[in-house]
Amino acid sequence: MTKAELIDAVASDVGISKKAAAEAVDSVFKNVTKALKKGKKYTHVGFGTFGVVKRAAREGRNPQSGATIRIPARNVVKFTAGKALKEAV
């Protein structure tokens, strides 16, 4: 599903204009992103939980040359599916 398809679905489900639905969808993702930047979790009961975890620094290989490279530590987004989502899929 693309963002445009999501906006169309929200607009028809709720009975609002596509412009209002686009603003609502953008606002949801913007606020989830803000929470994750602050290191907080976002939980949608039944759907799942988005959180941030720290990935440790590690060694990798350059696939072209085979040389060992150092991959720095970084924060990554982790998603854990909720019970209702697992059962639905």
PDB file of N, CA and C in Angstrom:
ATOM      1  N   MET A   1       0.851  -1.177   0.000  1.00  0.00           N
ATOM      2  CA  MET A   1       0.000   0.000   0.000  1.00  0.00           C
ATOM      3  C   MET A   1       0.894   1.237   0.000  1.00  0.00           C
ATOM      4  N   THR A   2       0.582   2.173  -0.858  1.00  0.00           N
ATOM      5  CA  THR A   2       1.327   3.429  -0.917  1.00  0.00           C
ATOM      6  C   THR A   2       0.672   4.468  -0.020  1.00  0.00           C
ATOM      7  N   LYS A   3       1.371   5.581   0.168  1.00  0.00           N
ATOM      8  CA  LYS A   3       0.825   6.665   0.981  1.00  0.00           C
ATOM      9  C   LYS A   3      -0.472   7.195   0.359  1.00  0.00           C
ATOM     10  N   ALA A   4      -0.502   7.328  -0.966  1.00  0.00           N
ATOM     11  CA  ALA A   4      -1.701   7.812  -1.642  1.00  0.00           C
ATOM     12  C   ALA A   4      -2.878   6.865  -1.436  1.00  0.00           C
ATOM     13  N   GLU A   5      -2.622   5.571  -1.474  1.00  0.00           N
ATOM     14  CA  GLU A   5      -3.682   4.586  -1.243  1.00  0.00           C
ATOM     15  C   GLU A   5      -4.180   4.657   0.194  1.00  0.00           C
ATOM     16  N   LEU A   6      -3.254   4.872   1.132  1.00  0.00           N
ATOM     17  CA  LEU A   6      -3.648   5.014   2.536  1.00  0.00           C
ATOM     18  C   LEU A   6      -4.522   6.246   2.723  1.00  0.00           C
ATOM     19  N   ILE A   7      -4.143   7.347   2.105  1.00  0.00           N
ATOM     20  CA  ILE A   7      -4.927   8.585   2.207  1.00  0.00           C
ATOM     21  C   ILE A   7      -6.318   8.376   1.622  1.00  0.00           C
ATOM     22  N   ASP A   8      -6.408   7.714   0.471  1.00  0.00           N
ATOM     23  CA  ASP A   8      -7.715   7.427  -0.137  1.00  0.00           C
ATOM     24  C   ASP A   8      -8.573   6.569   0.792  1.00  0.00           C
ATOM     25  N   ALA A   9      -7.962   5.550   1.406  1.00  0.00           N
ATOM     26  CA  ALA A   9      -8.707   4.660   2.297  1.00  0.00           C
ATOM     27  C   ALA A   9      -9.205   5.409   3.531  1.00  0.00           C
ATOM     28  N   VAL A  10      -8.348   6.243   4.118  1.00  0.00           N
ATOM     29  CA  VAL A  10      -8.745   7.016   5.297  1.00  0.00           C
ATOM     30  C   VAL A  10      -9.877   7.973   4.939  1.00  0.00           C
ATOM     31  N   ALA A  11      -9.756   8.649   3.811  1.00  0.00           N
ATOM     32  CA  ALA A  11     -10.782   9.603   3.396  1.00  0.00           C
ATOM     33  C   ALA A  11     -12.137   8.922   3.201  1.00  0.00           C
ATOM     34  N   SER A  12     -12.126   7.752   2.576  1.00  0.00           N
ATOM     35  CA  SER A  12     -13.412   7.076   2.345  1.00  0.00           C
ATOM     36  C   SER A  12     -13.957   6.431   3.613  1.00  0.00           C
ATOM     37  N   ASP A  13     -13.093   5.891   4.481  1.00  0.00           N
ATOM     38  CA  ASP A  13     -13.555   5.268   5.718  1.00  0.00           C
ATOM     39  C   ASP A  13     -14.180   6.284   6.675  1.00  0.00           C
ATOM     40  N   VAL A  14     -13.567   7.457   6.773  1.00  0.00           N
ATOM     41  CA  VAL A  14     -14.008   8.456   7.741  1.00  0.00           C
ATOM     42  C   VAL A  14     -15.009   9.437   7.131  1.00  0.00           C
ATOM     43  N   GLY A  15     -15.022   9.536   5.802  1.00  0.00           N
ATOM     44  CA  GLY A  15     -15.939  10.455   5.147  1.00  0.00           C
ATOM     45  C   GLY A  15     -15.445  11.884   5.161  1.00  0.00           C
ATOM     46  N   ILE A  16     -14.144  12.067   4.988  1.00  0.00           N
ATOM     47  CA  ILE A  16     -13.560  13.408   4.934  1.00  0.00           C
ATOM     48  C   ILE A  16     -12.872  13.593   3.585  1.00  0.00           C
ATOM     49  N   SER A  17     -12.442  14.811   3.319  1.00  0.00           N
ATOM     50  CA  SER A  17     -11.778  15.093   2.051  1.00  0.00           C
ATOM     51  C   SER A  17     -10.387  14.456   2.036  1.00  0.00           C
ATOM     52  N   LYS A  18      -9.870  14.271   0.834  1.00  0.00           N
ATOM     53  CA  LYS A  18      -8.529  13.706   0.705  1.00  0.00           C
ATOM     54  C   LYS A  18      -7.481  14.638   1.301  1.00  0.00           C
ATOM     55  N   LYS A  19      -7.718  15.950   1.208  1.00  0.00           N
ATOM     56  CA  LYS A  19      -6.777  16.922   1.776  1.00  0.00           C
ATOM     57  C   LYS A  19      -6.715  16.777   3.302  1.00  0.00           C
ATOM     58  N   ALA A  20      -7.876  16.657   3.929  1.00  0.00           N
ATOM     59  CA  ALA A  20      -7.921  16.492   5.390  1.00  0.00           C
ATOM     60  C   ALA A  20      -7.305  15.153   5.798  1.00  0.00           C
ATOM     61  N   ALA A  21      -7.565  14.120   5.018  1.00  0.00           N
ATOM     62  CA  ALA A  21      -6.989  12.807   5.315  1.00  0.00           C
ATOM     63  C   ALA A  21      -5.473  12.839   5.175  1.00  0.00           C
ATOM     64  N   ALA A  22      -4.970  13.545   4.153  1.00  0.00           N
ATOM     65  CA  ALA A  22      -3.524  13.664   3.953  1.00  0.00           C
ATOM     66  C   ALA A  22      -2.881  14.382   5.130  1.00  0.00           C
ATOM     67  N   GLU A  23      -3.516  15.440   5.613  1.00  0.00           N
ATOM     68  CA  GLU A  23      -2.998  16.168   6.773  1.00  0.00           C
ATOM     69  C   GLU A  23      -2.977  15.285   8.012  1.00  0.00           C
ATOM     70  N   ALA A  24      -4.021  14.486   8.199  1.00  0.00           N
ATOM     71  CA  ALA A  24      -4.092  13.595   9.360  1.00  0.00           C
ATOM     72  C   ALA A  24      -3.007  12.521   9.287  1.00  0.00           C
ATOM     73  N   VAL A  25      -2.843  11.909   8.122  1.00  0.00           N
ATOM     74  CA  VAL A  25      -1.819  10.864   7.961  1.00  0.00           C
ATOM     75  C   VAL A  25      -0.433  11.457   8.183  1.00  0.00           C
ATOM     76  N   ASP A  26      -0.157  12.624   7.587  1.00  0.00           N
ATOM     77  CA  ASP A  26       1.147  13.280   7.770  1.00  0.00           C
ATOM     78  C   ASP A  26       1.397  13.608   9.232  1.00  0.00           C
ATOM     79  N   SER A  27       0.367  14.066   9.933  1.00  0.00           N
ATOM     80  CA  SER A  27       0.503  14.416  11.342  1.00  0.00           C
ATOM     81  C   SER A  27       0.829  13.184  12.187  1.00  0.00           C
ATOM     82  N   VAL A  28       0.167  12.073  11.898  1.00  0.00           N
ATOM     83  CA  VAL A  28       0.428  10.840  12.656  1.00  0.00           C
ATOM     84  C   VAL A  28       1.891  10.434  12.497  1.00  0.00           C
ATOM     85  N   PHE A  29       2.362  10.377  11.258  1.00  0.00           N
ATOM     86  CA  PHE A  29       3.746   9.944  11.034  1.00  0.00           C
ATOM     87  C   PHE A  29       4.759  10.940  11.590  1.00  0.00           C
ATOM     88  N   LYS A  30       4.438  12.234  11.516  1.00  0.00           N
ATOM     89  CA  LYS A  30       5.332  13.257  12.059  1.00  0.00           C
ATOM     90  C   LYS A  30       5.470  13.096  13.573  1.00  0.00           C
ATOM     91  N   ASN A  31       4.349  12.854  14.250  1.00  0.00           N
ATOM     92  CA  ASN A  31       4.382  12.717  15.704  1.00  0.00           C
ATOM     93  C   ASN A  31       5.020  11.410  16.156  1.00  0.00           C
ATOM     94  N   VAL A  32       4.846  10.335  15.398  1.00  0.00           N
ATOM     95  CA  VAL A  32       5.529   9.080  15.715  1.00  0.00           C
ATOM     96  C   VAL A  32       7.043   9.277  15.562  1.00  0.00           C
ATOM     97  N   THR A  33       7.444   9.966  14.500  1.00  0.00           N
ATOM     98  CA  THR A  33       8.861  10.238  14.270  1.00  0.00           C
ATOM     99  C   THR A  33       9.445  11.078  15.401  1.00  0.00           C
ATOM    100  N   LYS A  34       8.716  12.110  15.844  1.00  0.00           N
ATOM    101  CA  LYS A  34       9.177  12.947  16.960  1.00  0.00           C
ATOM    102  C   LYS A  34       9.403  12.112  18.215  1.00  0.00           C
ATOM    103  N   ALA A  35       8.454  11.223  18.513  1.00  0.00           N
ATOM    104  CA  ALA A  35       8.570  10.385  19.710  1.00  0.00           C
ATOM    105  C   ALA A  35       9.791   9.476  19.606  1.00  0.00           C
ATOM    106  N   LEU A  36      10.015   8.882  18.439  1.00  0.00           N
ATOM    107  CA  LEU A  36      11.158   7.990  18.268  1.00  0.00           C
ATOM    108  C   LEU A  36      12.473   8.749  18.354  1.00  0.00           C
ATOM    109  N   LYS A  37      12.520   9.986  17.837  1.00  0.00           N
ATOM    110  CA  LYS A  37      13.730  10.802  17.942  1.00  0.00           C
ATOM    111  C   LYS A  37      14.094  11.071  19.399  1.00  0.00           C
ATOM    112  N   LYS A  38      13.073  11.209  20.253  1.00  0.00           N
ATOM    113  CA  LYS A  38      13.299  11.460  21.672  1.00  0.00           C
ATOM    114  C   LYS A  38      13.641  10.179  22.435  1.00  0.00           C
ATOM    115  N   GLY A  39      13.641   9.042  21.734  1.00  0.00           N
ATOM    116  CA  GLY A  39      13.948   7.773  22.380  1.00  0.00           C
ATOM    117  C   GLY A  39      12.749   7.104  23.020  1.00  0.00           C
ATOM    118  N   LYS A  40      11.563   7.626  22.763  1.00  0.00           N
ATOM    119  CA  LYS A  40      10.345   7.045  23.318  1.00  0.00           C
ATOM    120  C   LYS A  40       9.812   5.952  22.402  1.00  0.00           C
ATOM    121  N   LYS A  41       8.849   5.193  22.910  1.00  0.00           N
ATOM    122  CA  LYS A  41       8.181   4.163  22.118  1.00  0.00           C
ATOM    123  C   LYS A  41       6.832   4.701  21.646  1.00  0.00           C
ATOM    124  N   TYR A  42       6.347   4.131  20.547  1.00  0.00           N
ATOM    125  CA  TYR A  42       4.983   4.393  20.119  1.00  0.00           C
ATOM    126  C   TYR A  42       4.277   3.046  20.077  1.00  0.00           C
ATOM    127  N   THR A  43       3.204   2.917  20.851  1.00  0.00           N
ATOM    128  CA  THR A  43       2.455   1.670  20.905  1.00  0.00           C
ATOM    129  C   THR A  43       1.035   1.908  20.412  1.00  0.00           C
ATOM    130  N   HIS A  44       0.624   1.089  19.476  1.00  0.00           N
ATOM    131  CA  HIS A  44      -0.754   1.085  18.986  1.00  0.00           C
ATOM    132  C   HIS A  44      -1.293  -0.297  19.337  1.00  0.00           C
ATOM    133  N   VAL A  45      -2.123  -0.357  20.365  1.00  0.00           N
ATOM    134  CA  VAL A  45      -2.596  -1.640  20.890  1.00  0.00           C
ATOM    135  C   VAL A  45      -3.255  -2.448  19.775  1.00  0.00           C
ATOM    136  N   GLY A  46      -2.818  -3.687  19.653  1.00  0.00           N
ATOM    137  CA  GLY A  46      -3.350  -4.582  18.638  1.00  0.00           C
ATOM    138  C   GLY A  46      -2.558  -4.553  17.342  1.00  0.00           C
ATOM    139  N   PHE A  47      -1.932  -3.410  17.027  1.00  0.00           N
ATOM    140  CA  PHE A  47      -1.150  -3.298  15.795  1.00  0.00           C
ATOM    141  C   PHE A  47       0.308  -3.605  16.065  1.00  0.00           C
ATOM    142  N   GLY A  48       0.913  -2.873  17.014  1.00  0.00           N
ATOM    143  CA  GLY A  48       2.306  -3.138  17.334  1.00  0.00           C
ATOM    144  C   GLY A  48       2.971  -1.970  18.024  1.00  0.00           C
ATOM    145  N   THR A  49       4.279  -2.119  18.229  1.00  0.00           N
ATOM    146  CA  THR A  49       5.071  -1.125  18.930  1.00  0.00           C
ATOM    147  C   THR A  49       6.299  -0.762  18.113  1.00  0.00           C
ATOM    148  N   PHE A  50       6.518   0.535  17.959  1.00  0.00           N
ATOM    149  CA  PHE A  50       7.732   1.043  17.337  1.00  0.00           C
ATOM    150  C   PHE A  50       8.630   1.535  18.455  1.00  0.00           C
ATOM    151  N   GLY A  51       9.901   1.205  18.402  1.00  0.00           N
ATOM    152  CA  GLY A  51      10.854   1.651  19.399  1.00  0.00           C
ATOM    153  C   GLY A  51      12.205   1.859  18.761  1.00  0.00           C
ATOM    154  N   VAL A  52      13.124   2.429  19.516  1.00  0.00           N
ATOM    155  CA  VAL A  52      14.476   2.675  19.041  1.00  0.00           C
ATOM    156  C   VAL A  52      15.432   1.813  19.852  1.00  0.00           C
ATOM    157  N   VAL A  53      16.311   1.099  19.158  1.00  0.00           N
ATOM    158  CA  VAL A  53      17.336   0.306  19.826  1.00  0.00           C
ATOM    159  C   VAL A  53      18.693   0.716  19.293  1.00  0.00           C
ATOM    160  N   LYS A  54      19.715   0.564  20.112  1.00  0.00           N
ATOM    161  CA  LYS A  54      21.073   0.916  19.707  1.00  0.00           C
ATOM    162  C   LYS A  54      21.743  -0.307  19.107  1.00  0.00           C
ATOM    163  N   ARG A  55      22.220  -0.172  17.890  1.00  0.00           N
ATOM    164  CA  ARG A  55      22.969  -1.240  17.231  1.00  0.00           C
ATOM    165  C   ARG A  55      24.446  -0.978  17.486  1.00  0.00           C
ATOM    166  N   ALA A  56      25.149  -1.959  18.009  1.00  0.00           N
ATOM    167  CA  ALA A  56      26.553  -1.820  18.355  1.00  0.00           C
ATOM    168  C   ALA A  56      27.412  -1.703  17.098  1.00  0.00           C
ATOM    169  N   ALA A  57      28.585  -1.113  17.263  1.00  0.00           N
ATOM    170  CA  ALA A  57      29.554  -1.047  16.166  1.00  0.00           C
ATOM    171  C   ALA A  57      30.007  -2.467  15.844  1.00  0.00           C
ATOM    172  N   ARG A  58      30.307  -2.695  14.573  1.00  0.00           N
ATOM    173  CA  ARG A  58      30.728  -4.033  14.173  1.00  0.00           C
ATOM    174  C   ARG A  58      31.602  -3.957  12.931  1.00  0.00           C
ATOM    175  N   GLU A  59      32.192  -5.080  12.599  1.00  0.00           N
ATOM    176  CA  GLU A  59      33.009  -5.147  11.400  1.00  0.00           C
ATOM    177  C   GLU A  59      32.197  -5.765  10.274  1.00  0.00           C
ATOM    178  N   GLY A  60      32.397  -5.259   9.073  1.00  0.00           N
ATOM    179  CA  GLY A  60      31.736  -5.789   7.903  1.00  0.00           C
ATOM    180  C   GLY A  60      32.739  -5.955   6.782  1.00  0.00           C
ATOM    181  N   ARG A  61      32.266  -6.353   5.640  1.00  0.00           N
ATOM    182  CA  ARG A  61      33.140  -6.537   4.479  1.00  0.00           C
ATOM    183  C   ARG A  61      32.613  -5.742   3.307  1.00  0.00           C
ATOM    184  N   ASN A  62      33.540  -5.123   2.581  1.00  0.00           N
ATOM    185  CA  ASN A  62      33.210  -4.455   1.335  1.00  0.00           C
ATOM    186  C   ASN A  62      32.982  -5.560   0.302  1.00  0.00           C
ATOM    187  N   PRO A  63      31.786  -5.672  -0.279  1.00  0.00           N
ATOM    188  CA  PRO A  63      31.508  -6.774  -1.194  1.00  0.00           C
ATOM    189  C   PRO A  63      32.336  -6.730  -2.487  1.00  0.00           C
ATOM    190  N   GLN A  64      32.802  -5.547  -2.880  1.00  0.00           N
ATOM    191  CA  GLN A  64      33.601  -5.453  -4.110  1.00  0.00           C
ATOM    192  C   GLN A  64      35.044  -5.869  -3.897  1.00  0.00           C
ATOM    193  N   SER A  65      35.639  -5.379  -2.816  1.00  0.00           N
ATOM    194  CA  SER A  65      37.068  -5.654  -2.602  1.00  0.00           C
ATOM    195  C   SER A  65      37.320  -6.748  -1.573  1.00  0.00           C
ATOM    196  N   GLY A  66      36.330  -7.038  -0.741  1.00  0.00           N
ATOM    197  CA  GLY A  66      36.518  -8.027   0.322  1.00  0.00           C
ATOM    198  C   GLY A  66      37.237  -7.472   1.533  1.00  0.00           C
ATOM    199  N   ALA A  67      37.573  -6.188   1.499  1.00  0.00           N
ATOM    200  CA  ALA A  67      38.286  -5.560   2.612  1.00  0.00           C
ATOM    201  C   ALA A  67      37.374  -5.420   3.824  1.00  0.00           C
ATOM    202  N   THR A  68      37.968  -5.557   5.005  1.00  0.00           N
ATOM    203  CA  THR A  68      37.222  -5.386   6.248  1.00  0.00           C
ATOM    204  C   THR A  68      37.005  -3.901   6.495  1.00  0.00           C
ATOM    205  N   ILE A  69      35.761  -3.537   6.855  1.00  0.00           N
ATOM    206  CA  ILE A  69      35.446  -2.146   7.174  1.00  0.00           C
ATOM    207  C   ILE A  69      34.782  -2.083   8.534  1.00  0.00           C
ATOM    208  N   ARG A  70      34.861  -0.938   9.146  1.00  0.00           N
ATOM    209  CA  ARG A  70      34.248  -0.715  10.458  1.00  0.00           C
ATOM    210  C   ARG A  70      32.893  -0.051  10.243  1.00  0.00           C
ATOM    211  N   ILE A  71      31.826  -0.672  10.746  1.00  0.00           N
ATOM    212  CA  ILE A  71      30.481  -0.109  10.672  1.00  0.00           C
ATOM    213  C   ILE A  71      30.196   0.523  12.033  1.00  0.00           C
ATOM    214  N   PRO A  72      29.944   1.840  12.072  1.00  0.00           N
ATOM    215  CA  PRO A  72      29.762   2.515  13.358  1.00  0.00           C
ATOM    216  C   PRO A  72      28.446   2.144  14.045  1.00  0.00           C
ATOM    217  N   ALA A  73      28.408   2.385  15.347  1.00  0.00           N
ATOM    218  CA  ALA A  73      27.180   2.171  16.124  1.00  0.00           C
ATOM    219  C   ALA A  73      26.143   3.185  15.677  1.00  0.00           C
ATOM    220  N   ARG A  74      24.876   2.791  15.767  1.00  0.00           N
ATOM    221  CA  ARG A  74      23.799   3.707  15.399  1.00  0.00           C
ATOM    222  C   ARG A  74      22.491   3.263  16.016  1.00  0.00           C
ATOM    223  N   ASN A  75      21.536   4.179  16.042  1.00  0.00           N
ATOM    224  CA  ASN A  75      20.188   3.868  16.516  1.00  0.00           C
ATOM    225  C   ASN A  75      19.351   3.418  15.329  1.00  0.00           C
ATOM    226  N   VAL A  76      18.542   2.374  15.538  1.00  0.00           N
ATOM    227  CA  VAL A  76      17.664   1.868  14.486  1.00  0.00           C
ATOM    228  C   VAL A  76      16.253   1.702  15.048  1.00  0.00           C
ATOM    229  N   VAL A  77      15.270   1.783  14.154  1.00  0.00           N
ATOM    230  CA  VAL A  77      13.875   1.614  14.549  1.00  0.00           C
ATOM    231  C   VAL A  77      13.546   0.129  14.553  1.00  0.00           C
ATOM    232  N   LYS A  78      12.882  -0.305  15.609  1.00  0.00           N
ATOM    233  CA  LYS A  78      12.467  -1.697  15.740  1.00  0.00           C
ATOM    234  C   LYS A  78      10.942  -1.730  15.816  1.00  0.00           C
ATOM    235  N   PHE A  79      10.333  -2.676  15.121  1.00  0.00           N
ATOM    236  CA  PHE A  79       8.882  -2.835  15.170  1.00  0.00           C
ATOM    237  C   PHE A  79       8.567  -4.228  15.679  1.00  0.00           C
ATOM    238  N   THR A  80       7.678  -4.295  16.651  1.00  0.00           N
ATOM    239  CA  THR A  80       7.186  -5.567  17.167  1.00  0.00           C
ATOM    240  C   THR A  80       5.691  -5.622  16.908  1.00  0.00           C
ATOM    241  N   ALA A  81       5.262  -6.617  16.154  1.00  0.00           N
ATOM    242  CA  ALA A  81       3.850  -6.745  15.810  1.00  0.00           C
ATOM    243  C   ALA A  81       3.026  -7.115  17.036  1.00  0.00           C
ATOM    244  N   GLY A  82       1.826  -6.547  17.113  1.00  0.00           N
ATOM    245  CA  GLY A  82       0.906  -6.853  18.196  1.00  0.00           C
ATOM    246  C   GLY A  82       0.156  -8.154  17.937  1.00  0.00           C
ATOM    247  N   LYS A  83      -0.511  -8.640  18.954  1.00  0.00           N
ATOM    248  CA  LYS A  83      -1.211  -9.914  18.878  1.00  0.00           C
ATOM    249  C   LYS A  83      -2.285  -9.919  17.784  1.00  0.00           C
ATOM    250  N   ALA A  84      -3.083  -8.867  17.714  1.00  0.00           N
ATOM    251  CA  ALA A  84      -4.160  -8.818  16.716  1.00  0.00           C
ATOM    252  C   ALA A  84      -3.603  -8.804  15.295  1.00  0.00           C
ATOM    253  N   LEU A  85      -2.505  -8.106  15.069  1.00  0.00           N
ATOM    254  CA  LEU A  85      -1.889  -8.064  13.750  1.00  0.00           C
ATOM    255  C   LEU A  85      -1.327  -9.433  13.374  1.00  0.00           C
ATOM    256  N   LYS A  86      -0.680 -10.088  14.330  1.00  0.00           N
ATOM    257  CA  LYS A  86      -0.135 -11.422  14.073  1.00  0.00           C
ATOM    258  C   LYS A  86      -1.240 -12.402  13.694  1.00  0.00           C
ATOM    259  N   GLU A  87      -2.357 -12.326  14.411  1.00  0.00           N
ATOM    260  CA  GLU A  87      -3.475 -13.241  14.142  1.00  0.00           C
ATOM    261  C   GLU A  87      -4.141 -12.926  12.809  1.00  0.00           C
ATOM    262  N   ALA A  88      -4.200 -11.651  12.441  1.00  0.00           N
ATOM    263  CA  ALA A  88      -4.842 -11.259  11.186  1.00  0.00           C
ATOM    264  C   ALA A  88      -4.041 -11.678   9.965  1.00  0.00           C
ATOM    265  N   VAL A  89      -2.731 -11.704  10.128  1.00  0.00           N
ATOM    266  CA  VAL A  89      -1.855 -12.058   8.997  1.00  0.00           C
ATOM    267  C   VAL A  89      -1.646 -13.547   9.003  1.00  0.00           C
TER     268      VAL A  89
END
